[in-house]
Amino acid sequence: MACKNLKIFVEGNIGAGKSKFCEYFGSMSSDVETFLEPISLWRDCKGFDLYNLMHKNVATYAGPFQANVVATYLHLLMREQRKPVRLVERSILTSQRCFTRIAFDSGIMEPNDYNSLHEYFEWALNFECTQPDLIVYLRASPEECLKRIQARNRKSEEGLDLSFLTKLHQFHEQWLNPINKPEIGEAPVFIFDASQPWDELKDTYDQKKEDLLLFGTKNDFIE
């Protein structure tokens, strides 16, 4: 019996290893297509580097940037799925459940902007392509994420600190940790301890490869 096409969203804090996960699994099987975060599109929004502007002035550009995130992800996810498994780094759900909420809760985003974005999220999430069959949550401590961020030394991440990463971790936990009982109807969540060194993580990924890629044929994989 052939399984249906499978959409897996890969979620986690900044520095949790999402890109590496997608690239590794993509290299392990010809049945996998990967969509990494479309940063190049955010850097060229009608000629504006919205990604860089947002990092320089969060108060002004947080709302427009998150709206652009929705538009770019929707555009990407509407593409025909050409392989049995589609791995997507982050999602519209990440923007809704984590980044926009941080901006609002910290007072950076005005209530009117937040409410407008909420309506936009709700509209976009009505499209079937924006809903995952499975979520992979790479759960790493904020401290470990900060170490990795400092080691890779990206210019766009210079202002990130432990306080922000801790808040982002907390929102991921509220959303994806099964202890917090995700809302009925949401996709099942597969959690990896992503604080481990890469060699150990790679071994774990190798062991769980078939479970993930064959998820569409199973009914009892995860609760």
N, C-alpha and C. Protein backbone atom coordinates (compact mmCIF):
# COMPACT_ATOMS: atom_id res chain seq x y z
N MET A 1 0.85 -1.20 0.00
CA MET A 1 0.00 0.00 0.00
C MET A 1 0.89 1.25 0.00
N ALA A 2 0.72 2.11 -0.95
CA ALA A 2 1.53 3.32 -1.05
C ALA A 2 1.10 4.33 0.00
N CYS A 3 2.06 5.02 0.58
CA CYS A 3 1.73 6.04 1.58
C CYS A 3 1.56 7.38 0.88
N LYS A 4 0.80 8.24 1.51
CA LYS A 4 0.58 9.56 0.95
C LYS A 4 1.82 10.41 1.13
N ASN A 5 1.88 11.50 0.39
CA ASN A 5 2.99 12.43 0.59
C ASN A 5 2.99 12.94 2.02
N LEU A 6 4.17 13.11 2.56
CA LEU A 6 4.33 13.46 3.96
C LEU A 6 5.01 14.82 4.09
N LYS A 7 4.43 15.71 4.87
CA LYS A 7 5.03 17.02 5.17
C LYS A 7 5.51 17.02 6.61
N ILE A 8 6.80 17.27 6.79
CA ILE A 8 7.39 17.33 8.12
C ILE A 8 7.97 18.72 8.33
N PHE A 9 7.49 19.41 9.36
CA PHE A 9 8.04 20.72 9.71
C PHE A 9 9.09 20.52 10.81
N VAL A 10 10.25 21.13 10.61
CA VAL A 10 11.36 20.99 11.56
C VAL A 10 11.46 22.29 12.37
N GLU A 11 11.21 22.18 13.66
CA GLU A 11 11.11 23.35 14.52
C GLU A 11 12.18 23.31 15.61
N GLY A 12 12.44 24.47 16.19
CA GLY A 12 13.40 24.56 17.28
C GLY A 12 13.98 25.95 17.38
N ASN A 13 14.69 26.18 18.44
CA ASN A 13 15.28 27.48 18.73
C ASN A 13 16.35 27.83 17.69
N ILE A 14 16.75 29.08 17.66
CA ILE A 14 17.89 29.49 16.84
C ILE A 14 19.13 28.76 17.36
N GLY A 15 19.85 28.09 16.48
CA GLY A 15 21.03 27.35 16.89
C GLY A 15 20.75 25.91 17.30
N ALA A 16 19.51 25.46 17.15
CA ALA A 16 19.17 24.08 17.54
C ALA A 16 19.64 23.05 16.51
N GLY A 17 19.96 23.50 15.29
CA GLY A 17 20.45 22.58 14.27
C GLY A 17 19.42 22.18 13.23
N LYS A 18 18.47 23.06 12.96
CA LYS A 18 17.38 22.73 12.01
C LYS A 18 17.90 22.56 10.58
N SER A 19 18.72 23.49 10.13
CA SER A 19 19.25 23.39 8.76
C SER A 19 20.07 22.13 8.59
N LYS A 20 20.89 21.84 9.58
CA LYS A 20 21.75 20.65 9.53
C LYS A 20 20.90 19.38 9.49
N PHE A 21 19.83 19.35 10.27
CA PHE A 21 18.92 18.21 10.28
C PHE A 21 18.32 18.01 8.89
N CYS A 22 17.79 19.08 8.32
CA CYS A 22 17.15 18.98 7.00
C CYS A 22 18.16 18.54 5.93
N GLU A 23 19.33 19.12 5.96
CA GLU A 23 20.35 18.77 4.97
C GLU A 23 20.80 17.32 5.14
N TYR A 24 20.92 16.86 6.39
CA TYR A 24 21.37 15.49 6.63
C TYR A 24 20.32 14.49 6.17
N PHE A 25 19.09 14.71 6.55
CA PHE A 25 18.04 13.78 6.14
C PHE A 25 17.82 13.84 4.63
N GLY A 26 17.97 15.02 4.06
CA GLY A 26 17.83 15.15 2.61
C GLY A 26 18.89 14.38 1.86
N SER A 27 20.08 14.26 2.46
CA SER A 27 21.17 13.52 1.82
C SER A 27 21.05 12.01 2.01
N MET A 28 20.20 11.59 2.93
CA MET A 28 20.08 10.17 3.26
C MET A 28 19.13 9.41 2.34
N SER A 29 18.27 10.13 1.65
CA SER A 29 17.26 9.45 0.84
C SER A 29 16.88 10.30 -0.36
N SER A 30 16.71 9.65 -1.49
CA SER A 30 16.25 10.34 -2.70
C SER A 30 14.76 10.62 -2.66
N ASP A 31 14.09 10.12 -1.62
CA ASP A 31 12.65 10.33 -1.46
C ASP A 31 12.32 11.60 -0.69
N VAL A 32 13.35 12.38 -0.34
CA VAL A 32 13.16 13.56 0.50
C VAL A 32 13.51 14.83 -0.26
N GLU A 33 12.60 15.82 -0.20
CA GLU A 33 12.91 17.16 -0.69
C GLU A 33 12.94 18.09 0.52
N THR A 34 13.83 19.06 0.50
CA THR A 34 14.00 19.94 1.65
C THR A 34 13.78 21.40 1.26
N PHE A 35 13.08 22.12 2.13
CA PHE A 35 12.91 23.56 2.01
C PHE A 35 13.55 24.20 3.25
N LEU A 36 14.68 24.85 3.07
CA LEU A 36 15.30 25.58 4.17
C LEU A 36 14.63 26.95 4.31
N GLU A 37 14.88 27.62 5.44
CA GLU A 37 14.31 28.96 5.63
C GLU A 37 14.65 29.84 4.43
N PRO A 38 13.65 30.48 3.84
CA PRO A 38 13.89 31.27 2.61
C PRO A 38 14.49 32.65 2.89
N ILE A 39 15.63 32.65 3.54
CA ILE A 39 16.26 33.92 3.95
C ILE A 39 16.58 34.80 2.75
N SER A 40 16.97 34.18 1.62
CA SER A 40 17.31 34.98 0.43
C SER A 40 16.11 35.79 -0.05
N LEU A 41 14.91 35.25 0.12
CA LEU A 41 13.70 35.99 -0.27
C LEU A 41 13.44 37.15 0.69
N TRP A 42 13.73 36.94 1.96
CA TRP A 42 13.53 38.01 2.94
C TRP A 42 14.56 39.12 2.76
N ARG A 43 15.69 38.77 2.18
CA ARG A 43 16.74 39.77 1.93
C ARG A 43 16.49 40.58 0.66
N ASP A 44 15.51 40.15 -0.12
CA ASP A 44 15.18 40.89 -1.35
C ASP A 44 13.67 40.95 -1.50
N CYS A 45 13.06 41.79 -0.68
CA CYS A 45 11.61 41.99 -0.72
C CYS A 45 11.33 43.27 -1.51
N LYS A 46 11.08 43.09 -2.81
CA LYS A 46 10.88 44.24 -3.70
C LYS A 46 12.06 45.21 -3.63
N GLY A 47 13.26 44.65 -3.54
CA GLY A 47 14.47 45.46 -3.50
C GLY A 47 14.94 45.85 -2.11
N PHE A 48 14.16 45.52 -1.07
CA PHE A 48 14.53 45.86 0.31
C PHE A 48 15.03 44.62 1.04
N ASP A 49 16.07 44.79 1.83
CA ASP A 49 16.57 43.71 2.68
C ASP A 49 15.79 43.74 3.99
N LEU A 50 14.59 43.17 3.95
CA LEU A 50 13.71 43.22 5.11
C LEU A 50 14.29 42.44 6.28
N TYR A 51 15.03 41.40 5.98
CA TYR A 51 15.66 40.58 7.03
C TYR A 51 16.64 41.43 7.85
N ASN A 52 17.48 42.16 7.16
CA ASN A 52 18.48 43.00 7.84
C ASN A 52 17.82 44.19 8.54
N LEU A 53 16.81 44.78 7.89
CA LEU A 53 16.11 45.91 8.50
C LEU A 53 15.44 45.49 9.80
N MET A 54 14.86 44.30 9.82
CA MET A 54 14.19 43.82 11.02
C MET A 54 15.20 43.64 12.16
N HIS A 55 16.38 43.11 11.85
CA HIS A 55 17.39 42.91 12.89
C HIS A 55 17.92 44.24 13.42
N LYS A 56 17.96 45.26 12.57
CA LYS A 56 18.46 46.57 13.00
C LYS A 56 17.42 47.36 13.77
N ASN A 57 16.13 47.19 13.43
CA ASN A 57 15.07 47.97 14.06
C ASN A 57 13.84 47.09 14.22
N VAL A 58 13.86 46.28 15.26
CA VAL A 58 12.79 45.31 15.48
C VAL A 58 11.44 46.00 15.68
N ALA A 59 11.42 47.09 16.43
CA ALA A 59 10.17 47.77 16.73
C ALA A 59 9.44 48.21 15.47
N THR A 60 10.18 48.67 14.48
CA THR A 60 9.57 49.16 13.24
C THR A 60 9.23 48.04 12.28
N TYR A 61 10.09 47.04 12.21
CA TYR A 61 9.97 46.06 11.12
C TYR A 61 9.50 44.67 11.54
N ALA A 62 9.24 44.43 12.82
CA ALA A 62 8.80 43.10 13.24
C ALA A 62 7.51 42.70 12.54
N GLY A 63 6.53 43.62 12.50
CA GLY A 63 5.25 43.31 11.86
C GLY A 63 5.38 43.05 10.37
N PRO A 64 5.97 43.99 9.60
CA PRO A 64 6.15 43.75 8.17
C PRO A 64 6.97 42.50 7.87
N PHE A 65 7.97 42.23 8.70
CA PHE A 65 8.79 41.05 8.45
C PHE A 65 7.98 39.77 8.63
N GLN A 66 7.21 39.67 9.71
CA GLN A 66 6.42 38.46 9.94
C GLN A 66 5.35 38.29 8.87
N ALA A 67 4.80 39.38 8.38
CA ALA A 67 3.84 39.29 7.28
C ALA A 67 4.52 38.74 6.03
N ASN A 68 5.76 39.16 5.80
CA ASN A 68 6.51 38.65 4.65
C ASN A 68 6.87 37.18 4.83
N VAL A 69 7.14 36.77 6.06
CA VAL A 69 7.39 35.36 6.35
C VAL A 69 6.20 34.51 5.93
N VAL A 70 5.00 34.96 6.30
CA VAL A 70 3.79 34.23 5.92
C VAL A 70 3.68 34.11 4.41
N ALA A 71 3.87 35.22 3.71
CA ALA A 71 3.72 35.23 2.25
C ALA A 71 4.74 34.31 1.58
N THR A 72 5.99 34.35 2.03
CA THR A 72 7.02 33.53 1.38
C THR A 72 6.81 32.05 1.66
N TYR A 73 6.46 31.70 2.89
CA TYR A 73 6.21 30.29 3.20
C TYR A 73 5.00 29.77 2.44
N LEU A 74 3.96 30.57 2.36
CA LEU A 74 2.77 30.14 1.63
C LEU A 74 3.10 29.89 0.17
N HIS A 75 3.89 30.77 -0.41
CA HIS A 75 4.31 30.62 -1.80
C HIS A 75 5.11 29.32 -1.99
N LEU A 76 6.04 29.05 -1.09
CA LEU A 76 6.86 27.85 -1.19
C LEU A 76 6.04 26.58 -0.99
N LEU A 77 5.18 26.59 0.01
CA LEU A 77 4.43 25.38 0.34
C LEU A 77 3.37 25.04 -0.69
N MET A 78 2.97 26.02 -1.48
CA MET A 78 1.98 25.76 -2.53
C MET A 78 2.59 25.06 -3.74
N ARG A 79 3.91 24.97 -3.79
CA ARG A 79 4.55 24.26 -4.89
C ARG A 79 4.19 22.78 -4.84
N GLU A 80 4.07 22.19 -6.00
CA GLU A 80 3.76 20.77 -6.07
C GLU A 80 4.84 19.96 -5.36
N GLN A 81 4.41 19.03 -4.51
CA GLN A 81 5.37 18.17 -3.82
C GLN A 81 5.80 17.07 -4.78
N ARG A 82 7.09 17.00 -5.05
CA ARG A 82 7.60 16.09 -6.07
C ARG A 82 8.21 14.82 -5.50
N LYS A 83 8.36 14.77 -4.19
CA LYS A 83 8.92 13.57 -3.57
C LYS A 83 8.02 13.14 -2.41
N PRO A 84 8.11 11.88 -1.99
CA PRO A 84 7.20 11.39 -0.94
C PRO A 84 7.29 12.14 0.38
N VAL A 85 8.49 12.65 0.72
CA VAL A 85 8.67 13.34 2.00
C VAL A 85 9.18 14.76 1.74
N ARG A 86 8.51 15.72 2.34
CA ARG A 86 8.94 17.12 2.26
C ARG A 86 9.33 17.58 3.66
N LEU A 87 10.61 17.98 3.81
CA LEU A 87 11.10 18.54 5.07
C LEU A 87 11.14 20.06 4.95
N VAL A 88 10.53 20.75 5.89
CA VAL A 88 10.46 22.21 5.84
C VAL A 88 11.06 22.77 7.12
N GLU A 89 12.08 23.61 6.97
CA GLU A 89 12.68 24.27 8.13
C GLU A 89 11.80 25.43 8.57
N ARG A 90 11.26 25.28 9.79
CA ARG A 90 10.31 26.25 10.33
C ARG A 90 9.05 26.33 9.47
N SER A 91 8.16 27.28 9.83
CA SER A 91 6.85 27.31 9.20
C SER A 91 6.11 28.59 9.57
N ILE A 92 4.94 28.75 8.99
CA ILE A 92 4.06 29.86 9.39
C ILE A 92 3.67 29.71 10.85
N LEU A 93 3.52 28.47 11.30
CA LEU A 93 3.17 28.23 12.70
C LEU A 93 4.23 28.78 13.65
N THR A 94 5.50 28.68 13.26
CA THR A 94 6.58 29.23 14.10
C THR A 94 6.42 30.73 14.27
N SER A 95 6.11 31.38 13.17
CA SER A 95 5.93 32.83 13.21
C SER A 95 4.77 33.19 14.13
N GLN A 96 3.67 32.44 14.00
CA GLN A 96 2.48 32.72 14.80
C GLN A 96 2.69 32.41 16.28
N ARG A 97 3.23 31.21 16.57
CA ARG A 97 3.30 30.72 17.94
C ARG A 97 4.49 31.24 18.73
N CYS A 98 5.52 31.68 18.04
CA CYS A 98 6.76 32.04 18.74
C CYS A 98 7.20 33.48 18.51
N PHE A 99 7.63 33.80 17.30
CA PHE A 99 8.27 35.09 17.07
C PHE A 99 7.31 36.27 17.22
N THR A 100 6.11 36.15 16.69
CA THR A 100 5.15 37.25 16.82
C THR A 100 4.71 37.43 18.27
N ARG A 101 4.56 36.34 18.98
CA ARG A 101 4.16 36.43 20.38
C ARG A 101 5.25 37.07 21.24
N ILE A 102 6.51 36.76 20.94
CA ILE A 102 7.60 37.40 21.67
C ILE A 102 7.58 38.91 21.45
N ALA A 103 7.40 39.31 20.19
CA ALA A 103 7.38 40.74 19.87
C ALA A 103 6.24 41.44 20.58
N PHE A 104 5.08 40.79 20.64
CA PHE A 104 3.92 41.40 21.30
C PHE A 104 4.09 41.42 22.82
N ASP A 105 4.47 40.29 23.39
CA ASP A 105 4.59 40.20 24.84
C ASP A 105 5.66 41.11 25.40
N SER A 106 6.69 41.40 24.61
CA SER A 106 7.77 42.27 25.07
C SER A 106 7.45 43.75 24.84
N GLY A 107 6.29 44.04 24.22
CA GLY A 107 5.89 45.42 23.99
C GLY A 107 6.45 46.03 22.72
N ILE A 108 7.17 45.24 21.93
CA ILE A 108 7.74 45.75 20.68
C ILE A 108 6.66 45.94 19.63
N MET A 109 5.68 45.04 19.62
CA MET A 109 4.62 45.09 18.62
C MET A 109 3.34 45.64 19.23
N GLU A 110 2.73 46.61 18.55
CA GLU A 110 1.49 47.23 19.03
C GLU A 110 0.32 46.25 18.90
N PRO A 111 -0.70 46.37 19.78
CA PRO A 111 -1.85 45.48 19.72
C PRO A 111 -2.54 45.45 18.36
N ASN A 112 -2.68 46.61 17.71
CA ASN A 112 -3.34 46.63 16.40
C ASN A 112 -2.56 45.82 15.37
N ASP A 113 -1.24 45.95 15.40
CA ASP A 113 -0.41 45.18 14.47
C ASP A 113 -0.51 43.69 14.77
N TYR A 114 -0.50 43.36 16.05
CA TYR A 114 -0.59 41.95 16.46
C TYR A 114 -1.92 41.35 16.02
N ASN A 115 -3.00 42.08 16.23
CA ASN A 115 -4.32 41.57 15.86
C ASN A 115 -4.46 41.42 14.35
N SER A 116 -3.89 42.35 13.60
CA SER A 116 -3.93 42.25 12.14
C SER A 116 -3.16 41.03 11.66
N LEU A 117 -1.99 40.81 12.26
CA LEU A 117 -1.20 39.63 11.91
C LEU A 117 -1.93 38.35 12.27
N HIS A 118 -2.62 38.37 13.40
CA HIS A 118 -3.39 37.18 13.82
C HIS A 118 -4.41 36.80 12.75
N GLU A 119 -5.11 37.78 12.22
CA GLU A 119 -6.08 37.50 11.16
C GLU A 119 -5.40 36.94 9.92
N TYR A 120 -4.24 37.46 9.61
CA TYR A 120 -3.47 37.00 8.45
C TYR A 120 -3.02 35.55 8.66
N PHE A 121 -2.54 35.25 9.86
CA PHE A 121 -2.15 33.87 10.18
C PHE A 121 -3.34 32.92 10.01
N GLU A 122 -4.47 33.30 10.57
CA GLU A 122 -5.64 32.42 10.52
C GLU A 122 -6.06 32.16 9.08
N TRP A 123 -5.99 33.19 8.25
CA TRP A 123 -6.32 33.02 6.83
C TRP A 123 -5.34 32.06 6.16
N ALA A 124 -4.04 32.28 6.37
CA ALA A 124 -3.01 31.46 5.71
C ALA A 124 -3.08 30.01 6.16
N LEU A 125 -3.36 29.79 7.43
CA LEU A 125 -3.36 28.44 7.97
C LEU A 125 -4.59 27.64 7.57
N ASN A 126 -5.51 28.26 6.85
CA ASN A 126 -6.64 27.51 6.29
C ASN A 126 -6.22 26.69 5.07
N PHE A 127 -5.07 27.03 4.48
CA PHE A 127 -4.58 26.27 3.33
C PHE A 127 -3.98 24.95 3.81
N GLU A 128 -4.38 23.87 3.17
CA GLU A 128 -3.93 22.54 3.58
C GLU A 128 -2.41 22.42 3.55
N CYS A 129 -1.77 23.09 2.61
CA CYS A 129 -0.32 22.96 2.46
C CYS A 129 0.45 23.52 3.65
N THR A 130 -0.19 24.35 4.47
CA THR A 130 0.49 24.95 5.62
C THR A 130 0.40 24.08 6.87
N GLN A 131 -0.30 22.95 6.77
CA GLN A 131 -0.48 22.07 7.92
C GLN A 131 0.41 20.83 7.80
N PRO A 132 1.23 20.55 8.80
CA PRO A 132 2.14 19.40 8.72
C PRO A 132 1.46 18.09 9.09
N ASP A 133 2.03 17.01 8.61
CA ASP A 133 1.62 15.68 9.06
C ASP A 133 2.37 15.30 10.32
N LEU A 134 3.56 15.86 10.47
CA LEU A 134 4.41 15.58 11.62
C LEU A 134 5.30 16.79 11.87
N ILE A 135 5.56 17.06 13.14
CA ILE A 135 6.51 18.11 13.52
C ILE A 135 7.70 17.46 14.21
N VAL A 136 8.89 17.77 13.75
CA VAL A 136 10.11 17.37 14.44
C VAL A 136 10.57 18.57 15.27
N TYR A 137 10.66 18.37 16.56
CA TYR A 137 11.09 19.44 17.47
C TYR A 137 12.50 19.14 17.95
N LEU A 138 13.44 19.95 17.50
CA LEU A 138 14.82 19.83 17.95
C LEU A 138 14.97 20.64 19.24
N ARG A 139 14.91 19.94 20.35
CA ARG A 139 14.85 20.59 21.66
C ARG A 139 16.26 20.75 22.23
N ALA A 140 16.73 21.97 22.23
CA ALA A 140 18.08 22.27 22.74
C ALA A 140 17.99 23.35 23.80
N SER A 141 18.86 23.30 24.78
CA SER A 141 18.84 24.31 25.84
C SER A 141 19.25 25.67 25.27
N PRO A 142 18.70 26.75 25.80
CA PRO A 142 19.10 28.09 25.35
C PRO A 142 20.60 28.31 25.47
N GLU A 143 21.21 27.75 26.52
CA GLU A 143 22.65 27.92 26.73
C GLU A 143 23.45 27.26 25.60
N GLU A 144 23.04 26.06 25.21
CA GLU A 144 23.73 25.37 24.12
C GLU A 144 23.52 26.10 22.80
N CYS A 145 22.32 26.61 22.58
CA CYS A 145 22.04 27.37 21.35
C CYS A 145 22.93 28.61 21.27
N LEU A 146 23.09 29.30 22.41
CA LEU A 146 23.94 30.49 22.42
C LEU A 146 25.39 30.15 22.10
N LYS A 147 25.89 29.04 22.63
CA LYS A 147 27.26 28.61 22.32
C LYS A 147 27.43 28.41 20.82
N ARG A 148 26.47 27.76 20.20
CA ARG A 148 26.56 27.48 18.76
C ARG A 148 26.47 28.77 17.95
N ILE A 149 25.60 29.66 18.37
CA ILE A 149 25.45 30.95 17.68
C ILE A 149 26.76 31.73 17.74
N GLN A 150 27.36 31.75 18.91
CA GLN A 150 28.63 32.46 19.07
C GLN A 150 29.74 31.82 18.24
N ALA A 151 29.70 30.50 18.13
CA ALA A 151 30.74 29.79 17.37
C ALA A 151 30.63 30.04 15.88
N ARG A 152 29.40 30.13 15.36
CA ARG A 152 29.26 30.33 13.91
C ARG A 152 29.37 31.80 13.52
N ASN A 153 29.17 32.70 14.49
CA ASN A 153 29.52 34.12 14.32
C ASN A 153 28.90 34.76 13.08
N ARG A 154 27.58 34.63 12.95
CA ARG A 154 26.88 35.27 11.83
C ARG A 154 26.56 36.72 12.19
N LYS A 155 26.76 37.61 11.25
CA LYS A 155 26.54 39.04 11.50
C LYS A 155 25.09 39.32 11.92
N SER A 156 24.13 38.64 11.28
CA SER A 156 22.72 38.90 11.57
C SER A 156 22.32 38.43 12.97
N GLU A 157 23.17 37.63 13.62
CA GLU A 157 22.84 37.10 14.94
C GLU A 157 23.63 37.76 16.07
N GLU A 158 24.31 38.85 15.75
CA GLU A 158 25.18 39.51 16.74
C GLU A 158 24.42 39.98 17.97
N GLY A 159 23.17 40.40 17.82
CA GLY A 159 22.44 40.95 18.95
C GLY A 159 21.71 39.92 19.79
N LEU A 160 21.77 38.66 19.43
CA LEU A 160 21.04 37.64 20.18
C LEU A 160 21.71 37.38 21.52
N ASP A 161 20.89 37.28 22.56
CA ASP A 161 21.44 37.00 23.89
C ASP A 161 20.65 35.87 24.55
N LEU A 162 21.10 35.47 25.72
CA LEU A 162 20.49 34.34 26.42
C LEU A 162 19.05 34.63 26.81
N SER A 163 18.75 35.87 27.14
CA SER A 163 17.39 36.23 27.53
C SER A 163 16.40 35.97 26.39
N PHE A 164 16.75 36.42 25.17
CA PHE A 164 15.86 36.21 24.03
C PHE A 164 15.74 34.73 23.71
N LEU A 165 16.85 34.00 23.72
CA LEU A 165 16.81 32.57 23.41
C LEU A 165 15.99 31.80 24.43
N THR A 166 16.04 32.25 25.68
CA THR A 166 15.24 31.60 26.73
C THR A 166 13.75 31.83 26.49
N LYS A 167 13.38 33.04 26.11
CA LYS A 167 11.98 33.32 25.79
C LYS A 167 11.52 32.49 24.60
N LEU A 168 12.37 32.42 23.58
CA LEU A 168 12.01 31.65 22.39
C LEU A 168 11.87 30.17 22.73
N HIS A 169 12.74 29.67 23.59
CA HIS A 169 12.65 28.28 24.06
C HIS A 169 11.33 28.05 24.79
N GLN A 170 10.94 28.99 25.63
CA GLN A 170 9.71 28.84 26.40
C GLN A 170 8.49 28.78 25.50
N PHE A 171 8.47 29.58 24.45
CA PHE A 171 7.33 29.54 23.53
C PHE A 171 7.30 28.24 22.73
N HIS A 172 8.48 27.73 22.36
CA HIS A 172 8.51 26.43 21.70
C HIS A 172 8.01 25.33 22.64
N GLU A 173 8.39 25.42 23.90
CA GLU A 173 7.95 24.43 24.88
C GLU A 173 6.43 24.46 25.06
N GLN A 174 5.87 25.65 25.17
CA GLN A 174 4.42 25.79 25.32
C GLN A 174 3.68 25.18 24.14
N TRP A 175 4.26 25.34 22.98
CA TRP A 175 3.62 24.88 21.75
C TRP A 175 3.83 23.39 21.49
N LEU A 176 5.07 22.90 21.68
CA LEU A 176 5.44 21.59 21.15
C LEU A 176 5.72 20.51 22.18
N ASN A 177 5.99 20.87 23.42
CA ASN A 177 6.25 19.85 24.42
C ASN A 177 4.94 19.16 24.80
N PRO A 178 4.84 17.83 24.64
CA PRO A 178 3.57 17.13 24.91
C PRO A 178 3.09 17.27 26.34
N ILE A 179 3.99 17.64 27.25
CA ILE A 179 3.56 17.87 28.63
C ILE A 179 2.49 18.96 28.68
N ASN A 180 2.59 19.89 27.73
CA ASN A 180 1.64 21.01 27.69
C ASN A 180 0.41 20.71 26.86
N LYS A 181 0.26 19.45 26.44
CA LYS A 181 -0.93 18.98 25.73
C LYS A 181 -1.29 19.88 24.54
N PRO A 182 -0.62 19.70 23.39
CA PRO A 182 -0.95 20.49 22.21
C PRO A 182 -2.43 20.40 21.86
N GLU A 183 -2.91 21.41 21.21
CA GLU A 183 -4.32 21.49 20.89
C GLU A 183 -4.78 20.30 20.07
N ILE A 184 -6.01 19.87 20.30
CA ILE A 184 -6.58 18.76 19.54
C ILE A 184 -6.57 19.10 18.06
N GLY A 185 -6.17 18.13 17.25
CA GLY A 185 -6.16 18.35 15.81
C GLY A 185 -4.81 18.75 15.27
N GLU A 186 -3.87 19.10 16.15
CA GLU A 186 -2.54 19.46 15.68
C GLU A 186 -1.74 18.21 15.36
N ALA A 187 -0.70 18.38 14.55
CA ALA A 187 0.14 17.26 14.14
C ALA A 187 0.89 16.67 15.33
N PRO A 188 1.18 15.36 15.28
CA PRO A 188 2.02 14.76 16.32
C PRO A 188 3.42 15.35 16.29
N VAL A 189 4.10 15.27 17.43
CA VAL A 189 5.41 15.89 17.58
C VAL A 189 6.45 14.82 17.93
N PHE A 190 7.54 14.80 17.19
CA PHE A 190 8.67 13.90 17.45
C PHE A 190 9.80 14.76 17.99
N ILE A 191 10.25 14.47 19.21
CA ILE A 191 11.24 15.32 19.88
C ILE A 191 12.61 14.66 19.90
N PHE A 192 13.62 15.42 19.49
CA PHE A 192 15.01 15.00 19.63
C PHE A 192 15.70 15.88 20.66
N ASP A 193 16.59 15.28 21.45
CA ASP A 193 17.44 16.06 22.35
C ASP A 193 18.57 16.63 21.51
N ALA A 194 18.39 17.85 21.05
CA ALA A 194 19.34 18.46 20.11
C ALA A 194 20.50 19.17 20.81
N SER A 195 20.59 19.04 22.14
CA SER A 195 21.72 19.62 22.86
C SER A 195 22.96 18.74 22.75
N GLN A 196 22.79 17.52 22.24
CA GLN A 196 23.92 16.59 22.13
C GLN A 196 24.94 17.06 21.09
N PRO A 197 26.18 16.61 21.21
CA PRO A 197 27.17 16.88 20.16
C PRO A 197 26.73 16.25 18.84
N TRP A 198 27.23 16.79 17.72
CA TRP A 198 26.78 16.35 16.41
C TRP A 198 26.97 14.86 16.17
N ASP A 199 28.10 14.29 16.59
CA ASP A 199 28.35 12.86 16.35
C ASP A 199 27.29 12.00 17.02
N GLU A 200 26.89 12.38 18.23
CA GLU A 200 25.84 11.63 18.93
C GLU A 200 24.49 11.86 18.27
N LEU A 201 24.24 13.10 17.89
CA LEU A 201 22.97 13.40 17.21
C LEU A 201 22.85 12.63 15.90
N LYS A 202 23.94 12.59 15.15
CA LYS A 202 23.93 11.90 13.87
C LYS A 202 23.58 10.42 14.05
N ASP A 203 24.13 9.81 15.09
CA ASP A 203 23.81 8.41 15.38
C ASP A 203 22.33 8.25 15.70
N THR A 204 21.80 9.19 16.48
CA THR A 204 20.37 9.15 16.81
C THR A 204 19.52 9.31 15.56
N TYR A 205 19.88 10.26 14.71
CA TYR A 205 19.14 10.46 13.47
C TYR A 205 19.17 9.21 12.60
N ASP A 206 20.32 8.55 12.54
CA ASP A 206 20.44 7.32 11.75
C ASP A 206 19.49 6.25 12.28
N GLN A 207 19.41 6.15 13.60
CA GLN A 207 18.56 5.13 14.22
C GLN A 207 17.08 5.41 13.98
N LYS A 208 16.71 6.69 13.90
CA LYS A 208 15.30 7.07 13.78
C LYS A 208 14.87 7.36 12.34
N LYS A 209 15.78 7.20 11.40
CA LYS A 209 15.49 7.56 10.01
C LYS A 209 14.22 6.88 9.51
N GLU A 210 14.15 5.56 9.66
CA GLU A 210 13.01 4.83 9.11
C GLU A 210 11.71 5.21 9.80
N ASP A 211 11.77 5.44 11.12
CA ASP A 211 10.57 5.86 11.84
C ASP A 211 10.00 7.14 11.25
N LEU A 212 10.89 8.08 10.95
CA LEU A 212 10.44 9.37 10.41
C LEU A 212 9.94 9.24 8.98
N LEU A 213 10.74 8.61 8.13
CA LEU A 213 10.40 8.58 6.71
C LEU A 213 9.24 7.65 6.41
N LEU A 214 8.95 6.70 7.31
CA LEU A 214 7.83 5.79 7.11
C LEU A 214 6.63 6.17 7.96
N PHE A 215 6.67 7.35 8.53
CA PHE A 215 5.58 7.78 9.42
C PHE A 215 4.23 7.71 8.73
N GLY A 216 4.18 8.02 7.44
CA GLY A 216 2.91 8.04 6.71
C GLY A 216 2.25 6.70 6.57
N THR A 217 2.99 5.59 6.86
CA THR A 217 2.40 4.25 6.75
C THR A 217 1.99 3.70 8.10
N LYS A 218 2.23 4.48 9.17
CA LYS A 218 1.98 3.96 10.51
C LYS A 218 0.83 4.71 11.17
N ASN A 219 0.14 3.99 12.05
CA ASN A 219 -0.95 4.62 12.79
C ASN A 219 -0.62 4.80 14.26
N ASP A 220 0.44 4.13 14.72
CA ASP A 220 0.72 4.10 16.16
C ASP A 220 2.09 4.65 16.49
N PHE A 221 2.61 5.53 15.62
CA PHE A 221 3.98 5.99 15.77
C PHE A 221 4.18 6.88 16.98
N ILE A 222 3.27 7.80 17.19
CA ILE A 222 3.47 8.77 18.27
C ILE A 222 2.10 9.26 18.72
N GLU A 223 1.99 9.54 19.99
CA GLU A 223 0.71 10.06 20.50
C GLU A 223 0.78 11.55 20.67
